[in-house]
PDB file of N, CA and C in Angstrom:
ATOM      1  N   MET A   1       0.851  -1.176   0.000  1.00  0.00           N
ATOM      2  CA  MET A   1       0.000   0.000   0.000  1.00  0.00           C
ATOM      3  C   MET A   1       0.896   1.240   0.000  1.00  0.00           C
ATOM      4  N   ILE A   2       0.515   2.191  -0.811  1.00  0.00           N
ATOM      5  CA  ILE A   2       1.241   3.454  -0.892  1.00  0.00           C
ATOM      6  C   ILE A   2       0.713   4.388   0.194  1.00  0.00           C
ATOM      7  N   ILE A   3       1.627   4.956   0.954  1.00  0.00           N
ATOM      8  CA  ILE A   3       1.271   5.950   1.966  1.00  0.00           C
ATOM      9  C   ILE A   3       2.139   7.170   1.718  1.00  0.00           C
ATOM     10  N   THR A   4       1.491   8.322   1.546  1.00  0.00           N
ATOM     11  CA  THR A   4       2.237   9.530   1.216  1.00  0.00           C
ATOM     12  C   THR A   4       1.630  10.763   1.885  1.00  0.00           C
ATOM     13  N   THR A   5       2.472  11.737   2.131  1.00  0.00           N
ATOM     14  CA  THR A   5       2.001  13.000   2.696  1.00  0.00           C
ATOM     15  C   THR A   5       1.444  13.922   1.614  1.00  0.00           C
ATOM     16  N   THR A   6       1.653  13.570   0.358  1.00  0.00           N
ATOM     17  CA  THR A   6       1.175  14.399  -0.748  1.00  0.00           C
ATOM     18  C   THR A   6      -0.275  14.063  -1.075  1.00  0.00           C
ATOM     19  N   ASP A   7      -0.882  14.849  -1.967  1.00  0.00           N
ATOM     20  CA  ASP A   7      -2.282  14.613  -2.323  1.00  0.00           C
ATOM     21  C   ASP A   7      -2.428  13.825  -3.623  1.00  0.00           C
ATOM     22  N   SER A   8      -1.326  13.253  -4.108  1.00  0.00           N
ATOM     23  CA  SER A   8      -1.374  12.456  -5.329  1.00  0.00           C
ATOM     24  C   SER A   8      -0.216  11.468  -5.337  1.00  0.00           C
ATOM     25  N   VAL A   9      -0.301  10.524  -6.275  1.00  0.00           N
ATOM     26  CA  VAL A   9       0.771   9.552  -6.485  1.00  0.00           C
ATOM     27  C   VAL A   9       1.237   9.735  -7.918  1.00  0.00           C
ATOM     28  N   ALA A  10       2.512   9.971  -8.112  1.00  0.00           N
ATOM     29  CA  ALA A  10       3.057  10.220  -9.446  1.00  0.00           C
ATOM     30  C   ALA A  10       2.692   9.092 -10.403  1.00  0.00           C
ATOM     31  N   GLY A  11       2.142   9.470 -11.556  1.00  0.00           N
ATOM     32  CA  GLY A  11       1.799   8.503 -12.586  1.00  0.00           C
ATOM     33  C   GLY A  11       0.497   7.756 -12.361  1.00  0.00           C
ATOM     34  N   ARG A  12      -0.229   8.081 -11.300  1.00  0.00           N
ATOM     35  CA  ARG A  12      -1.494   7.404 -10.998  1.00  0.00           C
ATOM     36  C   ARG A  12      -2.591   8.441 -10.796  1.00  0.00           C
ATOM     37  N   GLU A  13      -3.813   8.049 -11.076  1.00  0.00           N
ATOM     38  CA  GLU A  13      -4.960   8.928 -10.849  1.00  0.00           C
ATOM     39  C   GLU A  13      -5.848   8.340  -9.770  1.00  0.00           C
ATOM     40  N   VAL A  14      -6.454   9.217  -8.985  1.00  0.00           N
ATOM     41  CA  VAL A  14      -7.407   8.772  -7.975  1.00  0.00           C
ATOM     42  C   VAL A  14      -8.706   8.403  -8.687  1.00  0.00           C
ATOM     43  N   TYR A  15      -9.148   7.186  -8.454  1.00  0.00           N
ATOM     44  CA  TYR A  15     -10.401   6.693  -9.029  1.00  0.00           C
ATOM     45  C   TYR A  15     -11.561   6.929  -8.067  1.00  0.00           C
ATOM     46  N   GLU A  16     -11.293   6.713  -6.769  1.00  0.00           N
ATOM     47  CA  GLU A  16     -12.368   6.819  -5.785  1.00  0.00           C
ATOM     48  C   GLU A  16     -11.785   7.199  -4.420  1.00  0.00           C
ATOM     49  N   TYR A  17     -12.417   8.168  -3.770  1.00  0.00           N
ATOM     50  CA  TYR A  17     -12.065   8.541  -2.404  1.00  0.00           C
ATOM     51  C   TYR A  17     -12.916   7.694  -1.469  1.00  0.00           C
ATOM     52  N   LEU A  18     -12.270   7.004  -0.529  1.00  0.00           N
ATOM     53  CA  LEU A  18     -12.974   6.069   0.340  1.00  0.00           C
ATOM     54  C   LEU A  18     -13.231   6.614   1.741  1.00  0.00           C
ATOM     55  N   GLY A  19     -12.528   7.654   2.110  1.00  0.00           N
ATOM     56  CA  GLY A  19     -12.748   8.258   3.415  1.00  0.00           C
ATOM     57  C   GLY A  19     -11.476   8.402   4.216  1.00  0.00           C
ATOM     58  N   VAL A  20     -11.635   9.019   5.367  1.00  0.00           N
ATOM     59  CA  VAL A  20     -10.517   9.273   6.261  1.00  0.00           C
ATOM     60  C   VAL A  20     -10.226   8.009   7.075  1.00  0.00           C
ATOM     61  N   VAL A  21      -8.943   7.677   7.197  1.00  0.00           N
ATOM     62  CA  VAL A  21      -8.517   6.558   8.031  1.00  0.00           C
ATOM     63  C   VAL A  21      -7.556   7.086   9.087  1.00  0.00           C
ATOM     64  N   THR A  22      -7.564   6.425  10.251  1.00  0.00           N
ATOM     65  CA  THR A  22      -6.754   6.872  11.372  1.00  0.00           C
ATOM     66  C   THR A  22      -6.103   5.683  12.056  1.00  0.00           C
ATOM     67  N   GLY A  23      -4.890   5.891  12.492  1.00  0.00           N
ATOM     68  CA  GLY A  23      -4.197   4.896  13.297  1.00  0.00           C
ATOM     69  C   GLY A  23      -3.532   5.570  14.467  1.00  0.00           C
ATOM     70  N   THR A  24      -3.607   4.925  15.627  1.00  0.00           N
ATOM     71  CA  THR A  24      -2.932   5.466  16.802  1.00  0.00           C
ATOM     72  C   THR A  24      -2.019   4.400  17.388  1.00  0.00           C
ATOM     73  N   GLY A  25      -0.956   4.857  17.962  1.00  0.00           N
ATOM     74  CA  GLY A  25      -0.030   3.949  18.620  1.00  0.00           C
ATOM     75  C   GLY A  25       0.529   4.598  19.859  1.00  0.00           C
ATOM     76  N   ALA A  26       0.647   3.817  20.902  1.00  0.00           N
ATOM     77  CA  ALA A  26       1.200   4.328  22.147  1.00  0.00           C
ATOM     78  C   ALA A  26       2.292   3.383  22.627  1.00  0.00           C
ATOM     79  N   ALA A  27       3.266   3.941  23.283  1.00  0.00           N
ATOM     80  CA  ALA A  27       4.345   3.148  23.855  1.00  0.00           C
ATOM     81  C   ALA A  27       4.844   3.859  25.105  1.00  0.00           C
ATOM     82  N   TYR A  28       5.462   3.095  25.966  1.00  0.00           N
ATOM     83  CA  TYR A  28       5.936   3.638  27.236  1.00  0.00           C
ATOM     84  C   TYR A  28       7.301   3.056  27.571  1.00  0.00           C
ATOM     85  N   THR A  29       8.139   3.876  28.109  1.00  0.00           N
ATOM     86  CA  THR A  29       9.427   3.416  28.629  1.00  0.00           C
ATOM     87  C   THR A  29       9.758   4.206  29.876  1.00  0.00           C
ATOM     88  N   LEU A  30      10.433   3.557  30.785  1.00  0.00           N
ATOM     89  CA  LEU A  30      10.948   4.286  31.934  1.00  0.00           C
ATOM     90  C   LEU A  30      12.093   5.161  31.466  1.00  0.00           C
ATOM     91  N   ARG A  31      12.568   5.983  32.316  1.00  0.00           N
ATOM     92  CA  ARG A  31      13.684   6.863  31.940  1.00  0.00           C
ATOM     93  C   ARG A  31      14.766   6.048  31.254  1.00  0.00           C
ATOM     94  N   GLY A  32      15.354   6.657  30.247  1.00  0.00           N
ATOM     95  CA  GLY A  32      16.392   5.943  29.522  1.00  0.00           C
ATOM     96  C   GLY A  32      17.194   6.884  28.651  1.00  0.00           C
ATOM     97  N   SER A  33      18.037   6.292  27.875  1.00  0.00           N
ATOM     98  CA  SER A  33      18.903   7.053  26.977  1.00  0.00           C
ATOM     99  C   SER A  33      18.096   7.611  25.813  1.00  0.00           C
ATOM    100  N   GLU A  34      18.717   8.470  25.049  1.00  0.00           N
ATOM    101  CA  GLU A  34      18.072   9.012  23.847  1.00  0.00           C
ATOM    102  C   GLU A  34      17.729   7.877  22.887  1.00  0.00           C
ATOM    103  N   ALA A  35      18.597   6.877  22.797  1.00  0.00           N
ATOM    104  CA  ALA A  35      18.338   5.732  21.924  1.00  0.00           C
ATOM    105  C   ALA A  35      17.077   4.994  22.371  1.00  0.00           C
ATOM    106  N   LYS A  36      16.876   4.845  23.665  1.00  0.00           N
ATOM    107  CA  LYS A  36      15.689   4.165  24.196  1.00  0.00           C
ATOM    108  C   LYS A  36      14.439   4.995  23.919  1.00  0.00           C
ATOM    109  N   LYS A  37      14.543   6.310  24.059  1.00  0.00           N
ATOM    110  CA  LYS A  37      13.400   7.182  23.769  1.00  0.00           C
ATOM    111  C   LYS A  37      13.038   7.109  22.290  1.00  0.00           C
ATOM    112  N   THR A  38      14.040   7.072  21.429  1.00  0.00           N
ATOM    113  CA  THR A  38      13.795   6.943  19.988  1.00  0.00           C
ATOM    114  C   THR A  38      13.125   5.610  19.681  1.00  0.00           C
ATOM    115  N   GLU A  39      13.613   4.554  20.304  1.00  0.00           N
ATOM    116  CA  GLU A  39      13.025   3.222  20.112  1.00  0.00           C
ATOM    117  C   GLU A  39      11.554   3.209  20.527  1.00  0.00           C
ATOM    118  N   THR A  40      11.236   3.878  21.623  1.00  0.00           N
ATOM    119  CA  THR A  40       9.855   3.959  22.107  1.00  0.00           C
ATOM    120  C   THR A  40       8.978   4.705  21.110  1.00  0.00           C
ATOM    121  N   ALA A  41       9.470   5.820  20.587  1.00  0.00           N
ATOM    122  CA  ALA A  41       8.711   6.584  19.594  1.00  0.00           C
ATOM    123  C   ALA A  41       8.488   5.768  18.332  1.00  0.00           C
ATOM    124  N   LEU A  42       9.478   5.010  17.912  1.00  0.00           N
ATOM    125  CA  LEU A  42       9.341   4.178  16.713  1.00  0.00           C
ATOM    126  C   LEU A  42       8.332   3.058  16.928  1.00  0.00           C
ATOM    127  N   LYS A  43       8.274   2.499  18.135  1.00  0.00           N
ATOM    128  CA  LYS A  43       7.267   1.473  18.445  1.00  0.00           C
ATOM    129  C   LYS A  43       5.866   2.061  18.313  1.00  0.00           C
ATOM    130  N   ALA A  44       5.677   3.262  18.849  1.00  0.00           N
ATOM    131  CA  ALA A  44       4.367   3.919  18.767  1.00  0.00           C
ATOM    132  C   ALA A  44       4.008   4.191  17.310  1.00  0.00           C
ATOM    133  N   ARG A  45       4.982   4.653  16.521  1.00  0.00           N
ATOM    134  CA  ARG A  45       4.740   4.917  15.102  1.00  0.00           C
ATOM    135  C   ARG A  45       4.373   3.642  14.357  1.00  0.00           C
ATOM    136  N   ASP A  46       5.081   2.549  14.630  1.00  0.00           N
ATOM    137  CA  ASP A  46       4.806   1.285  13.952  1.00  0.00           C
ATOM    138  C   ASP A  46       3.413   0.761  14.273  1.00  0.00           C
ATOM    139  N   LYS A  47       2.986   0.898  15.517  1.00  0.00           N
ATOM    140  CA  LYS A  47       1.630   0.493  15.906  1.00  0.00           C
ATOM    141  C   LYS A  47       0.592   1.325  15.154  1.00  0.00           C
ATOM    142  N   ALA A  48       0.837   2.633  15.071  1.00  0.00           N
ATOM    143  CA  ALA A  48      -0.089   3.525  14.376  1.00  0.00           C
ATOM    144  C   ALA A  48      -0.153   3.190  12.886  1.00  0.00           C
ATOM    145  N   LEU A  49       0.987   2.927  12.264  1.00  0.00           N
ATOM    146  CA  LEU A  49       1.008   2.557  10.843  1.00  0.00           C
ATOM    147  C   LEU A  49       0.265   1.254  10.595  1.00  0.00           C
ATOM    148  N   HIS A  50       0.448   0.301  11.482  1.00  0.00           N
ATOM    149  CA  HIS A  50      -0.240  -0.987  11.339  1.00  0.00           C
ATOM    150  C   HIS A  50      -1.760  -0.788  11.373  1.00  0.00           C
ATOM    151  N   MET A  51      -2.236  -0.008  12.341  1.00  0.00           N
ATOM    152  CA  MET A  51      -3.669   0.246  12.459  1.00  0.00           C
ATOM    153  C   MET A  51      -4.193   1.010  11.234  1.00  0.00           C
ATOM    154  N   LEU A  52      -3.422   1.992  10.769  1.00  0.00           N
ATOM    155  CA  LEU A  52      -3.806   2.783   9.599  1.00  0.00           C
ATOM    156  C   LEU A  52      -3.942   1.890   8.364  1.00  0.00           C
ATOM    157  N   ARG A  53      -2.950   1.027   8.145  1.00  0.00           N
ATOM    158  CA  ARG A  53      -2.984   0.110   6.995  1.00  0.00           C
ATOM    159  C   ARG A  53      -4.158  -0.855   7.079  1.00  0.00           C
ATOM    160  N   GLU A  54      -4.431  -1.379   8.277  1.00  0.00           N
ATOM    161  CA  GLU A  54      -5.557  -2.300   8.444  1.00  0.00           C
ATOM    162  C   GLU A  54      -6.881  -1.631   8.093  1.00  0.00           C
ATOM    163  N   GLU A  55      -7.071  -0.415   8.578  1.00  0.00           N
ATOM    164  CA  GLU A  55      -8.328   0.300   8.302  1.00  0.00           C
ATOM    165  C   GLU A  55      -8.473   0.560   6.802  1.00  0.00           C
ATOM    166  N   ALA A  56      -7.394   0.963   6.149  1.00  0.00           N
ATOM    167  CA  ALA A  56      -7.433   1.218   4.707  1.00  0.00           C
ATOM    168  C   ALA A  56      -7.651  -0.081   3.928  1.00  0.00           C
ATOM    169  N   ALA A  57      -7.053  -1.176   4.375  1.00  0.00           N
ATOM    170  CA  ALA A  57      -7.227  -2.470   3.703  1.00  0.00           C
ATOM    171  C   ALA A  57      -8.678  -2.938   3.779  1.00  0.00           C
ATOM    172  N   GLU A  58      -9.338  -2.681   4.894  1.00  0.00           N
ATOM    173  CA  GLU A  58     -10.753  -3.036   5.026  1.00  0.00           C
ATOM    174  C   GLU A  58     -11.601  -2.308   3.987  1.00  0.00           C
ATOM    175  N   LEU A  59     -11.155  -1.126   3.576  1.00  0.00           N
ATOM    176  CA  LEU A  59     -11.862  -0.355   2.552  1.00  0.00           C
ATOM    177  C   LEU A  59     -11.388  -0.724   1.140  1.00  0.00           C
ATOM    178  N   ARG A  60     -10.436  -1.638   1.062  1.00  0.00           N
ATOM    179  CA  ARG A  60      -9.816  -2.063  -0.205  1.00  0.00           C
ATOM    180  C   ARG A  60      -9.118  -0.885  -0.902  1.00  0.00           C
ATOM    181  N   ALA A  61      -8.437  -0.081  -0.127  1.00  0.00           N
ATOM    182  CA  ALA A  61      -7.717   1.081  -0.658  1.00  0.00           C
ATOM    183  C   ALA A  61      -6.394   0.655  -1.283  1.00  0.00           C
ATOM    184  N   ASP A  62      -5.980   1.408  -2.276  1.00  0.00           N
ATOM    185  CA  ASP A  62      -4.659   1.220  -2.885  1.00  0.00           C
ATOM    186  C   ASP A  62      -3.617   2.128  -2.248  1.00  0.00           C
ATOM    187  N   ALA A  63      -4.087   3.230  -1.677  1.00  0.00           N
ATOM    188  CA  ALA A  63      -3.160   4.222  -1.143  1.00  0.00           C
ATOM    189  C   ALA A  63      -3.830   5.049  -0.055  1.00  0.00           C
ATOM    190  N   ILE A  64      -2.991   5.693   0.737  1.00  0.00           N
ATOM    191  CA  ILE A  64      -3.439   6.679   1.714  1.00  0.00           C
ATOM    192  C   ILE A  64      -2.714   7.974   1.377  1.00  0.00           C
ATOM    193  N   LEU A  65      -3.491   9.008   1.085  1.00  0.00           N
ATOM    194  CA  LEU A  65      -2.937  10.301   0.683  1.00  0.00           C
ATOM    195  C   LEU A  65      -3.056  11.303   1.829  1.00  0.00           C
ATOM    196  N   GLY A  66      -2.206  12.334   1.771  1.00  0.00           N
ATOM    197  CA  GLY A  66      -2.299  13.442   2.717  1.00  0.00           C
ATOM    198  C   GLY A  66      -2.027  13.039   4.152  1.00  0.00           C
ATOM    199  N   LEU A  67      -1.123  12.100   4.362  1.00  0.00           N
ATOM    200  CA  LEU A  67      -0.835  11.625   5.712  1.00  0.00           C
ATOM    201  C   LEU A  67      -0.408  12.775   6.616  1.00  0.00           C
ATOM    202  N   GLN A  68      -1.041  12.841   7.780  1.00  0.00           N
ATOM    203  CA  GLN A  68      -0.680  13.827   8.801  1.00  0.00           C
ATOM    204  C   GLN A  68      -0.308  13.090  10.069  1.00  0.00           C
ATOM    205  N   VAL A  69       0.695  13.592  10.749  1.00  0.00           N
ATOM    206  CA  VAL A  69       1.181  12.981  11.977  1.00  0.00           C
ATOM    207  C   VAL A  69       0.970  13.958  13.119  1.00  0.00           C
ATOM    208  N   SER A  70       0.428  13.469  14.218  1.00  0.00           N
ATOM    209  CA  SER A  70       0.304  14.330  15.396  1.00  0.00           C
ATOM    210  C   SER A  70       0.668  13.524  16.637  1.00  0.00           C
ATOM    211  N   HIS A  71       1.021  14.254  17.662  1.00  0.00           N
ATOM    212  CA  HIS A  71       1.367  13.673  18.956  1.00  0.00           C
ATOM    213  C   HIS A  71       0.401  14.268  19.975  1.00  0.00           C
ATOM    214  N   PRO A  72      -0.826  13.721  20.045  1.00  0.00           N
ATOM    215  CA  PRO A  72      -1.846  14.368  20.869  1.00  0.00           C
ATOM    216  C   PRO A  72      -1.608  14.285  22.368  1.00  0.00           C
ATOM    217  N   TYR A  73      -0.764  13.344  22.802  1.00  0.00           N
ATOM    218  CA  TYR A  73      -0.595  13.157  24.236  1.00  0.00           C
ATOM    219  C   TYR A  73       0.802  12.658  24.520  1.00  0.00           C
ATOM    220  N   SER A  74       1.496  13.327  25.389  1.00  0.00           N
ATOM    221  CA  SER A  74       2.804  12.826  25.781  1.00  0.00           C
ATOM    222  C   SER A  74       2.773  12.273  27.199  1.00  0.00           C
ATOM    223  N   GLY A  75       1.843  12.727  28.014  1.00  0.00           N
ATOM    224  CA  GLY A  75       1.587  12.139  29.317  1.00  0.00           C
ATOM    225  C   GLY A  75       2.753  12.075  30.279  1.00  0.00           C
ATOM    226  N   GLY A  76       3.738  12.871  30.069  1.00  0.00           N
ATOM    227  CA  GLY A  76       4.859  12.864  30.992  1.00  0.00           C
ATOM    228  C   GLY A  76       5.998  11.993  30.500  1.00  0.00           C
ATOM    229  N   ILE A  77       6.940  11.794  31.358  1.00  0.00           N
ATOM    230  CA  ILE A  77       8.168  11.085  31.012  1.00  0.00           C
ATOM    231  C   ILE A  77       7.860   9.662  30.551  1.00  0.00           C
ATOM    232  N   GLY A  78       8.346   9.331  29.368  1.00  0.00           N
ATOM    233  CA  GLY A  78       8.261   7.965  28.884  1.00  0.00           C
ATOM    234  C   GLY A  78       7.029   7.599  28.095  1.00  0.00           C
ATOM    235  N   ASN A  79       5.972   8.389  28.141  1.00  0.00           N
ATOM    236  CA  ASN A  79       4.758   8.078  27.386  1.00  0.00           C
ATOM    237  C   ASN A  79       4.809   8.742  26.020  1.00  0.00           C
ATOM    238  N   VAL A  80       4.498   7.975  24.981  1.00  0.00           N
ATOM    239  CA  VAL A  80       4.462   8.518  23.625  1.00  0.00           C
ATOM    240  C   VAL A  80       3.194   8.017  22.947  1.00  0.00           C
ATOM    241  N   GLU A  81       2.428   8.923  22.378  1.00  0.00           N
ATOM    242  CA  GLU A  81       1.279   8.538  21.559  1.00  0.00           C
ATOM    243  C   GLU A  81       1.399   9.262  20.227  1.00  0.00           C
ATOM    244  N   ILE A  82       1.174   8.515  19.166  1.00  0.00           N
ATOM    245  CA  ILE A  82       1.240   9.078  17.821  1.00  0.00           C
ATOM    246  C   ILE A  82      -0.074   8.774  17.113  1.00  0.00           C
ATOM    247  N   MET A  83      -0.622   9.771  16.433  1.00  0.00           N
ATOM    248  CA  MET A  83      -1.828   9.598  15.633  1.00  0.00           C
ATOM    249  C   MET A  83      -1.503   9.912  14.188  1.00  0.00           C
ATOM    250  N   LEU A  84      -1.897   9.003  13.307  1.00  0.00           N
ATOM    251  CA  LEU A  84      -1.729   9.189  11.864  1.00  0.00           C
ATOM    252  C   LEU A  84      -3.104   9.260  11.228  1.00  0.00           C
ATOM    253  N   THR A  85      -3.292  10.222  10.334  1.00  0.00           N
ATOM    254  CA  THR A  85      -4.568  10.398   9.655  1.00  0.00           C
ATOM    255  C   THR A  85      -4.303  10.679   8.175  1.00  0.00           C
ATOM    256  N   GLY A  86      -5.116  10.074   7.322  1.00  0.00           N
ATOM    257  CA  GLY A  86      -4.993  10.302   5.881  1.00  0.00           C
ATOM    258  C   GLY A  86      -6.269   9.916   5.172  1.00  0.00           C
ATOM    259  N   THR A  87      -6.269  10.082   3.864  1.00  0.00           N
ATOM    260  CA  THR A  87      -7.437   9.756   3.043  1.00  0.00           C
ATOM    261  C   THR A  87      -7.162   8.481   2.260  1.00  0.00           C
ATOM    262  N   ALA A  88      -8.003   7.485   2.471  1.00  0.00           N
ATOM    263  CA  ALA A  88      -7.879   6.223   1.740  1.00  0.00           C
ATOM    264  C   ALA A  88      -8.492   6.399   0.342  1.00  0.00           C
ATOM    265  N   VAL A  89      -7.784   5.917  -0.685  1.00  0.00           N
ATOM    266  CA  VAL A  89      -8.256   6.067  -2.058  1.00  0.00           C
ATOM    267  C   VAL A  89      -7.992   4.792  -2.855  1.00  0.00           C
ATOM    268  N   ARG A  90      -8.742   4.653  -3.940  1.00  0.00           N
ATOM    269  CA  ARG A  90      -8.431   3.658  -4.958  1.00  0.00           C
ATOM    270  C   ARG A  90      -7.830   4.383  -6.133  1.00  0.00           C
ATOM    271  N   LEU A  91      -6.829   3.781  -6.735  1.00  0.00           N
ATOM    272  CA  LEU A  91      -6.120   4.405  -7.839  1.00  0.00           C
ATOM    273  C   LEU A  91      -6.384   3.670  -9.149  1.00  0.00           C
ATOM    274  N   ILE A  92      -6.233   4.412 -10.248  1.00  0.00           N
ATOM    275  CA  ILE A  92      -6.324   3.815 -11.578  1.00  0.00           C
ATOM    276  C   ILE A  92      -4.925   3.366 -11.952  1.00  0.00           C
TER     277      ILE A  92
END
């Protein structure tokens, strides 16, 4: 599945807009090094991407356009939440 922050895919046309899809991921770590904090953020991102792809696959989407990333909640030391939102589409 193609996932992009842009509103189009080079060489392809949007055939049908299927709706907005969202994925969220959260992860937690106790105090740690910068490497551990990065690892925690990547875990949260991977969970969010997995959920986003699943929701788009249920709609039989070929791509997700206009991907936006937000961090709605940090909840203090060690908590990371990431939300991904985009538009699921079918392409020609």
